[in-house]
Amino acid sequence: MNYIGVLLSVVFVGVVARLLLKKYNPHAVLLIAGLAMLLISLLLKNDLPPLKNPTGFSGFDLFAFIKESFSSTNAGVGLMIMAIGGFVAYIDKIGASNALVYVAMKPLNLFKKHPYIAASLVIPIGQILFIAIPSAAGLSLLLMASLFPILVNLGVSKISAASVITATTAFALGPASAITASASAIIGLESINYFVNHQIVLAAPLSISMMITYYFVNKYYDKKNNFEKSDLEEIKQEIQVPVIYAIIPILPIILLIVFSEIFSLFPSPIKLDTTTAMFISLFVALLFELIRIKNIKEVFESLKIFWNGMGNIFKTVVTLIIAADIFAQGLISLGFIDGLISLTQNIGFNATGIGIVMAVMIFLASILMGSGNASFFAFGPLVPKIAKTLGVESTIMILPMQLSASMGRTVSPVAGLIIAVSEIAGVTTLQIVKRNVIPLTVALVIMLIFHFI
């Protein structure tokens, strides 16, 4: 164990946190810090993360990490986030977002006097959707397109609305979740069995606690910030497009649920990913516009809005996710995760103590790296060996670890979903994180007490 690398990684975390709080450019801070840690790891002769196509010279390999991060991000989550960003820009321009608000406000008017109750109710609704749409960034942005304008029009501040939307992804539940699949494989349980008999039992009380804490936290901070409903630009109760346009913002969610593997509604399985659903919904929107304005040239010209929206998301959100990925790789290369694992194994606690320590460590690691998957995949495989040594079932230890991984991501200023949501909402990542810290910390404590004590 190279303890010098571990200590240096802690120093880097402190420096980066300080610079971000001083509002230095986050793209530059995370990228340069990540490259610096990779360089130090190289000098310390640590194992660097593997490259698919190494250059043959370790000095150049540092920059090859950036290229490969761009390639993998743009081919996966980056393209998805850009597609959603472009779609959000397009439906806003054609008036579909206003149409959805117009339709939704009629039955929801009773919440005008209690907007924070409406905001809290988004959490369990979104968590149910997250089971069918297991992409944290994807679901959050879909809810930004559909629920965000409704919440704002009800009288919820933009920060409060963004915070509850990110909270919908705090628990990675269901057979379609990557973390669930990994956890169930590690302990040798079927994913559906693990979901029904273990995850739901623990997640239900946590969801209730989050509804309560978000209600009071958002209400308190909005009052402290002197937020008034009149500060918002309320959407007019008249719309310039047919009411049927209200279906467009929620069409991607409908498609993803209908064609979800969980429900298996069709004899021959049909798999639909978020990015494909966005493009299908975009062309439905174009068809609606063609029928409404009957001018092919104008409709074709309007597609520029979608491409510009994608470009804006790329330069602000996707590039920051890539910088955060380089930062996470730097932490791993310096032995940050190995240091946490070593500390856990040498503490000398009993099963309950070890379980609590590992859950808290994964929570903190997810905050630092902005990824629940990365922290859980590092710690998770250790569980069967530790559980066997302590004479307990693996499920007892792995369940809180798995949930704390996704919970930590929800309070990370470098997590993709927080970055993406903050950009669409027009607020900073730290503003959202500030709202998320108390509810998620309370949920973490309740989970540890409920599960272990």
Protein backbone atom coordinates (compact mmCIF):
# COMPACT_ATOMS: atom_id res chain seq x y z
CA MET A 1 0.00 0.00 0.00
CA ASN A 2 1.50 3.35 -1.09
CA TYR A 3 0.36 5.63 1.71
CA ILE A 4 2.08 8.64 0.11
CA GLY A 5 -0.35 8.42 -2.80
CA VAL A 6 -3.32 8.11 -0.44
CA LEU A 7 -2.24 11.18 1.55
CA LEU A 8 -1.65 13.15 -1.66
CA SER A 9 -5.11 12.23 -2.93
CA VAL A 10 -6.62 13.63 0.28
CA VAL A 11 -4.61 16.84 -0.22
CA PHE A 12 -5.86 17.13 -3.80
CA VAL A 13 -9.45 16.67 -2.64
CA GLY A 14 -9.03 19.51 -0.15
CA VAL A 15 -7.41 21.84 -2.69
CA VAL A 16 -10.03 21.12 -5.35
CA ALA A 17 -12.87 21.65 -2.86
CA ARG A 18 -11.38 24.99 -1.83
CA LEU A 19 -10.92 26.17 -5.42
CA LEU A 20 -14.48 25.16 -6.37
CA LEU A 21 -15.88 27.02 -3.35
CA LYS A 22 -13.90 30.08 -4.49
CA LYS A 23 -15.70 29.72 -7.83
CA TYR A 24 -12.68 28.83 -9.96
CA ASN A 25 -13.62 27.37 -13.33
CA PRO A 26 -14.66 23.77 -12.44
CA HIS A 27 -13.72 22.36 -15.86
CA ALA A 28 -10.12 23.56 -15.47
CA VAL A 29 -9.82 22.70 -11.77
CA LEU A 30 -11.02 19.09 -12.15
CA LEU A 31 -9.12 18.42 -15.39
CA ILE A 32 -5.78 19.82 -14.20
CA ALA A 33 -6.10 18.18 -10.77
CA GLY A 34 -6.87 14.85 -12.43
CA LEU A 35 -3.91 15.08 -14.80
CA ALA A 36 -1.63 16.13 -11.92
CA MET A 37 -2.68 13.09 -9.88
CA LEU A 38 -2.14 10.80 -12.87
CA LEU A 39 1.33 12.30 -13.37
CA ILE A 40 2.23 11.83 -9.69
CA SER A 41 0.95 8.24 -9.87
CA LEU A 42 3.21 7.69 -12.85
CA LEU A 43 6.21 9.05 -10.91
CA LEU A 44 5.28 6.87 -7.91
CA LYS A 45 5.09 3.89 -10.29
CA ASN A 46 1.46 3.18 -9.37
CA ASP A 47 -0.79 1.26 -11.74
CA LEU A 48 -2.65 3.73 -13.95
CA PRO A 49 -6.17 2.98 -15.23
CA PRO A 50 -5.89 0.80 -18.37
CA LEU A 51 -5.99 2.47 -21.78
CA LYS A 52 -7.61 0.78 -24.76
CA ASN A 53 -5.00 2.24 -27.11
CA PRO A 54 -1.83 3.29 -25.26
CA THR A 55 0.56 5.58 -27.16
CA GLY A 56 3.72 3.74 -26.14
CA PHE A 57 5.02 6.70 -24.14
CA SER A 58 3.65 7.18 -20.62
CA GLY A 59 3.85 10.97 -20.86
CA PHE A 60 1.53 11.00 -23.87
CA ASP A 61 -0.72 8.40 -22.22
CA LEU A 62 -1.80 11.05 -19.71
CA PHE A 63 -3.48 12.96 -22.53
CA ALA A 64 -4.75 9.77 -24.12
CA PHE A 65 -6.91 9.41 -20.99
CA ILE A 66 -8.67 12.63 -22.02
CA LYS A 67 -9.24 11.32 -25.55
CA GLU A 68 -10.65 8.02 -24.33
CA SER A 69 -12.85 9.75 -21.77
CA PHE A 70 -14.25 11.94 -24.56
CA SER A 71 -14.82 8.87 -26.74
CA SER A 72 -16.56 6.77 -24.10
CA THR A 73 -18.61 9.66 -22.69
CA ASN A 74 -19.77 10.97 -26.05
CA ALA A 75 -20.72 7.48 -27.19
CA GLY A 76 -22.81 6.84 -24.08
CA VAL A 77 -24.09 9.17 -21.39
CA GLY A 78 -22.76 12.26 -23.19
CA LEU A 79 -24.85 11.63 -26.30
CA MET A 80 -27.88 10.87 -24.14
CA ILE A 81 -27.53 14.11 -22.18
CA MET A 82 -26.98 16.14 -25.36
CA ALA A 83 -30.03 14.57 -27.02
CA ILE A 84 -32.18 15.38 -23.99
CA GLY A 85 -30.76 18.92 -23.84
CA GLY A 86 -31.57 19.47 -27.50
CA PHE A 87 -35.06 18.04 -27.03
CA VAL A 88 -35.72 20.30 -24.03
CA ALA A 89 -34.63 23.34 -26.04
CA TYR A 90 -36.85 22.33 -28.98
CA ILE A 91 -40.05 21.64 -27.02
CA ASP A 92 -39.58 24.90 -25.14
CA LYS A 93 -39.25 26.83 -28.41
CA ILE A 94 -42.33 25.30 -30.05
CA GLY A 95 -44.47 25.82 -26.94
CA ALA A 96 -44.90 22.18 -25.93
CA SER A 97 -43.60 22.84 -22.40
CA ASN A 98 -46.18 25.60 -21.94
CA ALA A 99 -48.89 23.27 -23.22
CA LEU A 100 -47.97 20.64 -20.64
CA VAL A 101 -48.05 23.23 -17.85
CA TYR A 102 -51.40 24.55 -19.09
CA VAL A 103 -52.94 21.06 -19.03
CA ALA A 104 -51.33 19.99 -15.75
CA MET A 105 -52.16 23.17 -13.85
CA LYS A 106 -55.91 22.59 -13.99
CA PRO A 107 -55.96 19.50 -11.72
CA LEU A 108 -52.92 20.70 -9.76
CA ASN A 109 -54.25 24.16 -8.87
CA LEU A 110 -55.07 22.91 -5.37
CA PHE A 111 -51.30 22.68 -4.76
CA LYS A 112 -50.83 26.40 -5.46
CA LYS A 113 -51.36 27.00 -1.75
CA HIS A 114 -49.05 24.10 -0.84
CA PRO A 115 -46.29 24.04 -3.50
CA TYR A 116 -43.74 22.32 -1.26
CA ILE A 117 -46.06 19.36 -0.76
CA ALA A 118 -46.24 19.04 -4.55
CA ALA A 119 -42.44 19.19 -4.73
CA SER A 120 -42.05 16.46 -2.09
CA LEU A 121 -44.52 14.20 -3.91
CA VAL A 122 -42.21 14.25 -6.93
CA ILE A 123 -39.71 12.11 -4.97
CA PRO A 124 -41.68 8.82 -4.70
CA ILE A 125 -43.17 9.31 -8.18
CA GLY A 126 -39.72 9.78 -9.66
CA GLN A 127 -38.29 6.85 -7.73
CA ILE A 128 -40.93 4.58 -9.24
CA LEU A 129 -40.03 5.90 -12.70
CA PHE A 130 -36.35 5.30 -11.92
CA ILE A 131 -37.04 1.57 -11.65
CA ALA A 132 -38.20 1.55 -15.29
CA ILE A 133 -35.74 4.22 -16.52
CA PRO A 134 -32.50 3.29 -14.70
CA SER A 135 -30.40 6.23 -15.91
CA ALA A 136 -29.89 8.88 -13.24
CA ALA A 137 -28.94 11.67 -15.64
CA GLY A 138 -31.49 10.52 -18.22
CA LEU A 139 -34.46 10.41 -15.84
CA SER A 140 -33.48 13.69 -14.17
CA LEU A 141 -33.40 15.52 -17.49
CA LEU A 142 -36.66 13.94 -18.62
CA LEU A 143 -38.27 15.23 -15.42
CA MET A 144 -36.66 18.62 -16.05
CA ALA A 145 -38.49 18.67 -19.37
CA SER A 146 -41.83 17.60 -17.94
CA LEU A 147 -42.16 18.26 -14.19
CA PHE A 148 -39.78 21.19 -13.68
CA PRO A 149 -41.94 23.84 -15.42
CA ILE A 150 -45.03 22.56 -13.59
CA LEU A 151 -43.35 22.83 -10.18
CA VAL A 152 -42.06 26.32 -10.96
CA ASN A 153 -45.52 27.42 -12.06
CA LEU A 154 -46.99 26.06 -8.82
CA GLY A 155 -44.70 28.41 -6.87
CA VAL A 156 -41.62 26.32 -6.14
CA SER A 157 -38.24 28.00 -6.62
CA LYS A 158 -36.00 26.70 -9.41
CA ILE A 159 -33.45 25.41 -6.88
CA SER A 160 -36.10 23.55 -4.89
CA ALA A 161 -37.60 22.01 -8.03
CA ALA A 162 -34.16 20.93 -9.27
CA SER A 163 -33.25 19.44 -5.88
CA VAL A 164 -36.31 17.16 -5.61
CA ILE A 165 -35.83 16.05 -9.21
CA THR A 166 -32.25 14.96 -8.48
CA ALA A 167 -33.54 13.24 -5.32
CA THR A 168 -35.65 10.88 -7.44
CA THR A 169 -32.44 9.03 -8.37
CA ALA A 170 -31.08 8.72 -4.82
CA PHE A 171 -31.87 4.99 -4.64
CA ALA A 172 -30.67 2.69 -7.41
CA LEU A 173 -33.50 0.15 -7.29
CA GLY A 174 -34.89 -2.54 -9.55
CA PRO A 175 -33.54 -5.31 -11.76
CA ALA A 176 -32.57 -2.88 -14.54
CA SER A 177 -30.13 -0.94 -12.33
CA ALA A 178 -26.43 -1.63 -12.94
CA ILE A 179 -25.65 -1.44 -9.22
CA THR A 180 -28.52 -3.80 -8.39
CA ALA A 181 -27.30 -6.28 -11.01
CA SER A 182 -23.79 -6.14 -9.57
CA ALA A 183 -24.96 -6.44 -5.94
CA SER A 184 -27.29 -9.37 -6.64
CA ALA A 185 -24.54 -11.17 -8.60
CA ILE A 186 -22.04 -10.68 -5.76
CA ILE A 187 -24.34 -12.24 -3.15
CA GLY A 188 -25.79 -14.87 -5.50
CA LEU A 189 -29.44 -13.75 -5.55
CA GLU A 190 -31.79 -13.22 -8.47
CA SER A 191 -32.17 -9.48 -9.18
CA ILE A 192 -35.95 -9.55 -8.83
CA ASN A 193 -35.71 -11.45 -5.52
CA TYR A 194 -33.15 -8.96 -4.22
CA PHE A 195 -35.36 -6.07 -5.33
CA VAL A 196 -38.65 -7.32 -3.86
CA ASN A 197 -37.43 -8.89 -0.63
CA HIS A 198 -34.60 -6.55 0.32
CA GLN A 199 -34.40 -3.25 -1.58
CA ILE A 200 -38.06 -2.19 -1.30
CA VAL A 201 -38.19 -2.99 2.43
CA LEU A 202 -35.30 -0.62 3.16
CA ALA A 203 -35.99 2.04 0.52
CA ALA A 204 -39.65 2.68 1.50
CA PRO A 205 -38.99 4.32 4.90
CA LEU A 206 -36.06 6.25 3.42
CA SER A 207 -38.30 7.67 0.70
CA ILE A 208 -40.78 8.87 3.33
CA SER A 209 -37.99 10.50 5.35
CA MET A 210 -36.75 12.32 2.25
CA MET A 211 -40.21 13.65 1.44
CA ILE A 212 -40.43 15.14 4.93
CA THR A 213 -36.90 16.56 5.07
CA TYR A 214 -37.03 18.06 1.56
CA TYR A 215 -40.32 19.78 2.47
CA PHE A 216 -38.75 21.59 5.42
CA VAL A 217 -35.28 22.13 3.93
CA ASN A 218 -36.54 23.70 0.70
CA LYS A 219 -39.11 25.80 2.50
CA TYR A 220 -36.48 27.03 4.96
CA TYR A 221 -33.86 27.93 2.33
CA ASP A 222 -36.38 29.64 0.04
CA LYS A 223 -37.55 31.77 2.96
CA LYS A 224 -33.94 32.49 3.95
CA ASN A 225 -33.16 33.55 0.37
CA ASN A 226 -36.26 35.81 0.35
CA PHE A 227 -37.79 33.83 -2.49
CA GLU A 228 -41.25 34.97 -3.49
CA LYS A 229 -43.53 33.32 -6.04
CA SER A 230 -43.77 36.67 -7.79
CA ASP A 231 -40.05 36.35 -8.58
CA LEU A 232 -40.92 33.69 -11.16
CA GLU A 233 -42.11 34.33 -14.67
CA GLU A 234 -45.44 32.55 -14.46
CA ILE A 235 -46.51 30.79 -17.63
CA LYS A 236 -49.60 32.38 -19.08
CA GLN A 237 -52.82 30.42 -18.88
CA GLU A 238 -53.20 30.83 -22.66
CA ILE A 239 -51.19 28.80 -25.10
CA GLN A 240 -50.41 29.38 -28.76
CA VAL A 241 -50.31 25.70 -29.78
CA PRO A 242 -52.90 22.90 -29.71
CA VAL A 243 -53.41 21.21 -26.32
CA ILE A 244 -52.24 17.91 -27.84
CA TYR A 245 -48.70 19.37 -27.72
CA ALA A 246 -48.75 18.64 -23.98
CA ILE A 247 -48.02 14.98 -24.79
CA ILE A 248 -44.64 15.80 -26.38
CA PRO A 249 -42.59 16.53 -23.19
CA ILE A 250 -43.76 13.30 -21.52
CA LEU A 251 -43.60 11.15 -24.67
CA PRO A 252 -40.03 9.91 -23.97
CA ILE A 253 -41.07 8.77 -20.48
CA ILE A 254 -44.12 6.98 -21.90
CA LEU A 255 -42.01 5.24 -24.54
CA LEU A 256 -39.38 4.13 -22.02
CA ILE A 257 -41.98 2.74 -19.63
CA VAL A 258 -44.03 0.95 -22.30
CA PHE A 259 -40.93 -0.65 -23.82
CA SER A 260 -39.20 -1.33 -20.51
CA GLU A 261 -37.75 -4.80 -19.87
CA ILE A 262 -39.43 -4.76 -16.46
CA PHE A 263 -42.98 -4.83 -17.82
CA SER A 264 -42.40 -7.07 -20.88
CA LEU A 265 -45.67 -6.02 -22.54
CA PHE A 266 -44.79 -7.56 -25.90
CA PRO A 267 -44.21 -11.23 -26.82
CA SER A 268 -40.98 -10.34 -28.63
CA PRO A 269 -38.79 -8.14 -26.37
CA ILE A 270 -38.35 -4.57 -27.62
CA LYS A 271 -35.47 -2.68 -26.00
CA LEU A 272 -35.56 1.10 -26.17
CA ASP A 273 -32.79 3.25 -24.71
CA THR A 274 -33.16 6.87 -23.60
CA THR A 275 -31.27 8.40 -26.54
CA THR A 276 -33.38 6.55 -29.11
CA ALA A 277 -36.56 7.58 -27.28
CA MET A 278 -35.43 11.21 -27.50
CA PHE A 279 -34.94 11.05 -31.28
CA ILE A 280 -38.31 9.33 -31.76
CA SER A 281 -39.98 12.05 -29.68
CA LEU A 282 -38.14 14.76 -31.62
CA PHE A 283 -39.52 13.50 -34.94
CA VAL A 284 -43.01 13.25 -33.45
CA ALA A 285 -42.63 16.92 -32.44
CA LEU A 286 -41.48 17.80 -35.97
CA LEU A 287 -44.53 16.02 -37.37
CA PHE A 288 -46.80 17.98 -35.03
CA GLU A 289 -45.17 21.22 -36.19
CA LEU A 290 -45.53 20.25 -39.85
CA ILE A 291 -49.26 19.61 -39.38
CA ARG A 292 -49.70 22.88 -37.44
CA ILE A 293 -47.80 25.39 -39.58
CA LYS A 294 -47.84 23.50 -42.93
CA ASN A 295 -44.50 24.93 -44.01
CA ILE A 296 -41.82 22.31 -44.64
CA LYS A 297 -38.98 24.84 -44.97
CA GLU A 298 -39.82 26.48 -41.64
CA VAL A 299 -40.12 23.13 -39.85
CA PHE A 300 -36.79 21.95 -41.26
CA GLU A 301 -35.23 25.26 -40.20
CA SER A 302 -36.53 24.77 -36.65
CA LEU A 303 -34.37 21.65 -36.30
CA LYS A 304 -31.43 24.03 -35.74
CA ILE A 305 -32.84 24.65 -32.26
CA PHE A 306 -32.31 20.99 -31.42
CA TRP A 307 -28.71 20.95 -32.68
CA ASN A 308 -27.91 24.21 -30.89
CA GLY A 309 -29.39 22.77 -27.69
CA MET A 310 -27.17 19.72 -28.04
CA GLY A 311 -24.13 21.95 -28.60
CA ASN A 312 -24.86 24.07 -25.55
CA ILE A 313 -25.14 21.00 -23.36
CA PHE A 314 -21.90 19.60 -24.76
CA LYS A 315 -19.81 22.71 -24.03
CA THR A 316 -21.19 23.16 -20.51
CA VAL A 317 -22.26 19.76 -19.18
CA VAL A 318 -20.55 16.96 -21.11
CA THR A 319 -17.10 18.60 -20.96
CA LEU A 320 -17.49 18.99 -17.18
CA ILE A 321 -18.46 15.31 -16.84
CA ILE A 322 -15.30 14.38 -18.77
CA ALA A 323 -13.16 16.61 -16.51
CA ALA A 324 -14.78 14.97 -13.46
CA ASP A 325 -14.01 11.53 -14.94
CA ILE A 326 -10.30 12.43 -15.28
CA PHE A 327 -10.37 13.67 -11.66
CA ALA A 328 -11.89 10.36 -10.50
CA GLN A 329 -9.28 8.37 -12.44
CA GLY A 330 -6.56 10.44 -10.77
CA LEU A 331 -7.95 9.65 -7.31
CA ILE A 332 -8.10 5.93 -8.12
CA SER A 333 -4.56 5.90 -9.53
CA LEU A 334 -3.16 7.51 -6.35
CA GLY A 335 -4.71 4.69 -4.33
CA PHE A 336 -7.58 6.63 -2.74
CA ILE A 337 -10.03 3.72 -3.01
CA ASP A 338 -7.38 1.16 -2.00
CA GLY A 339 -6.64 3.29 1.06
CA LEU A 340 -10.29 3.32 2.10
CA ILE A 341 -10.54 -0.44 1.61
CA SER A 342 -7.38 -1.05 3.64
CA LEU A 343 -8.66 1.17 6.44
CA THR A 344 -11.96 -0.70 6.48
CA GLN A 345 -10.31 -4.10 6.74
CA ASN A 346 -7.99 -3.07 9.58
CA ILE A 347 -10.42 -1.25 11.87
CA GLY A 348 -11.28 -4.34 13.92
CA PHE A 349 -15.03 -3.68 14.26
CA ASN A 350 -17.74 -6.35 14.40
CA ALA A 351 -20.14 -6.96 11.50
CA THR A 352 -22.35 -4.00 12.39
CA GLY A 353 -19.41 -1.63 12.78
CA ILE A 354 -17.78 -2.75 9.52
CA GLY A 355 -21.09 -2.48 7.67
CA ILE A 356 -21.66 1.07 8.90
CA VAL A 357 -18.09 2.15 8.13
CA MET A 358 -18.20 0.72 4.60
CA ALA A 359 -21.58 2.31 3.87
CA VAL A 360 -20.31 5.72 5.03
CA MET A 361 -17.07 5.34 3.08
CA ILE A 362 -18.92 4.47 -0.13
CA PHE A 363 -21.20 7.46 0.46
CA LEU A 364 -18.17 9.77 0.76
CA ALA A 365 -16.35 8.15 -2.17
CA SER A 366 -19.40 8.67 -4.40
CA ILE A 367 -19.48 12.36 -3.42
CA LEU A 368 -15.82 12.79 -4.33
CA MET A 369 -15.92 10.86 -7.61
CA GLY A 370 -19.42 11.82 -8.71
CA SER A 371 -20.22 8.20 -9.50
CA GLY A 372 -22.12 5.66 -7.43
CA ASN A 373 -21.14 2.87 -9.80
CA ALA A 374 -17.39 3.56 -9.49
CA SER A 375 -17.39 3.50 -5.68
CA PHE A 376 -19.66 0.46 -5.36
CA PHE A 377 -17.82 -1.58 -8.00
CA ALA A 378 -14.60 -0.96 -6.03
CA PHE A 379 -16.00 -1.97 -2.62
CA GLY A 380 -18.76 -4.45 -3.50
CA PRO A 381 -16.64 -7.50 -4.44
CA LEU A 382 -15.05 -7.43 -0.96
CA VAL A 383 -18.35 -8.18 0.77
CA PRO A 384 -18.57 -12.02 0.53
CA LYS A 385 -15.08 -12.46 2.00
CA ILE A 386 -15.68 -9.96 4.83
CA ALA A 387 -19.14 -11.37 5.58
CA LYS A 388 -17.78 -14.93 5.72
CA THR A 389 -15.02 -13.86 8.10
CA LEU A 390 -17.54 -12.15 10.38
CA GLY A 391 -20.09 -14.96 10.11
CA VAL A 392 -22.97 -12.90 8.68
CA GLU A 393 -25.01 -12.98 5.47
CA SER A 394 -23.63 -10.93 2.59
CA THR A 395 -27.02 -9.26 2.08
CA ILE A 396 -26.79 -7.58 5.49
CA MET A 397 -23.67 -5.70 4.41
CA ILE A 398 -24.17 -5.16 0.69
CA LEU A 399 -27.66 -3.59 0.75
CA PRO A 400 -26.76 -0.39 2.68
CA MET A 401 -23.51 -0.15 0.71
CA GLN A 402 -25.40 -0.27 -2.56
CA LEU A 403 -27.93 2.36 -1.52
CA SER A 404 -25.31 4.66 0.01
CA ALA A 405 -23.41 4.64 -3.31
CA SER A 406 -26.33 6.15 -5.23
CA MET A 407 -27.20 8.44 -2.31
CA GLY A 408 -23.67 9.87 -2.28
CA ARG A 409 -23.86 10.61 -6.00
CA THR A 410 -26.91 12.79 -5.34
CA VAL A 411 -24.87 15.16 -3.17
CA SER A 412 -21.83 15.32 -5.45
CA PRO A 413 -21.18 18.62 -7.27
CA VAL A 414 -19.23 16.67 -9.92
CA ALA A 415 -21.94 14.06 -10.62
CA GLY A 416 -23.26 14.06 -14.18
CA LEU A 417 -26.90 14.31 -13.15
CA ILE A 418 -26.26 17.30 -10.84
CA ILE A 419 -24.25 19.09 -13.53
CA ALA A 420 -26.89 18.47 -16.19
CA VAL A 421 -29.86 19.46 -14.02
CA SER A 422 -28.15 22.64 -12.78
CA GLU A 423 -27.48 23.73 -16.36
CA ILE A 424 -31.11 23.25 -17.45
CA ALA A 425 -32.45 24.90 -14.26
CA GLY A 426 -30.09 27.85 -14.53
CA VAL A 427 -28.63 27.37 -11.03
CA THR A 428 -25.22 26.23 -9.74
CA THR A 429 -24.32 22.68 -8.76
CA LEU A 430 -23.42 23.84 -5.25
CA GLN A 431 -26.89 25.37 -4.81
CA ILE A 432 -28.49 22.01 -5.55
CA VAL A 433 -25.99 20.10 -3.40
CA LYS A 434 -26.68 22.47 -0.49
CA ARG A 435 -30.37 21.50 -0.67
CA ASN A 436 -29.54 17.79 -0.99
CA VAL A 437 -26.99 17.40 1.81
CA ILE A 438 -29.36 17.47 4.80
CA PRO A 439 -32.10 15.15 3.40
CA LEU A 440 -29.57 12.61 2.10
CA THR A 441 -27.51 12.68 5.29
CA VAL A 442 -30.67 12.14 7.34
CA ALA A 443 -31.66 9.28 5.02
CA LEU A 444 -28.20 7.73 5.40
CA VAL A 445 -28.41 7.85 9.22
CA ILE A 446 -31.96 6.43 9.21
CA MET A 447 -30.87 3.65 6.86
CA LEU A 448 -27.94 2.66 9.09
CA ILE A 449 -30.10 2.71 12.23
CA PHE A 450 -33.03 0.89 10.59
CA HIS A 451 -30.83 -1.76 8.99
CA PHE A 452 -28.14 -2.42 11.59
CA ILE A 453 -29.59 -1.51 14.99
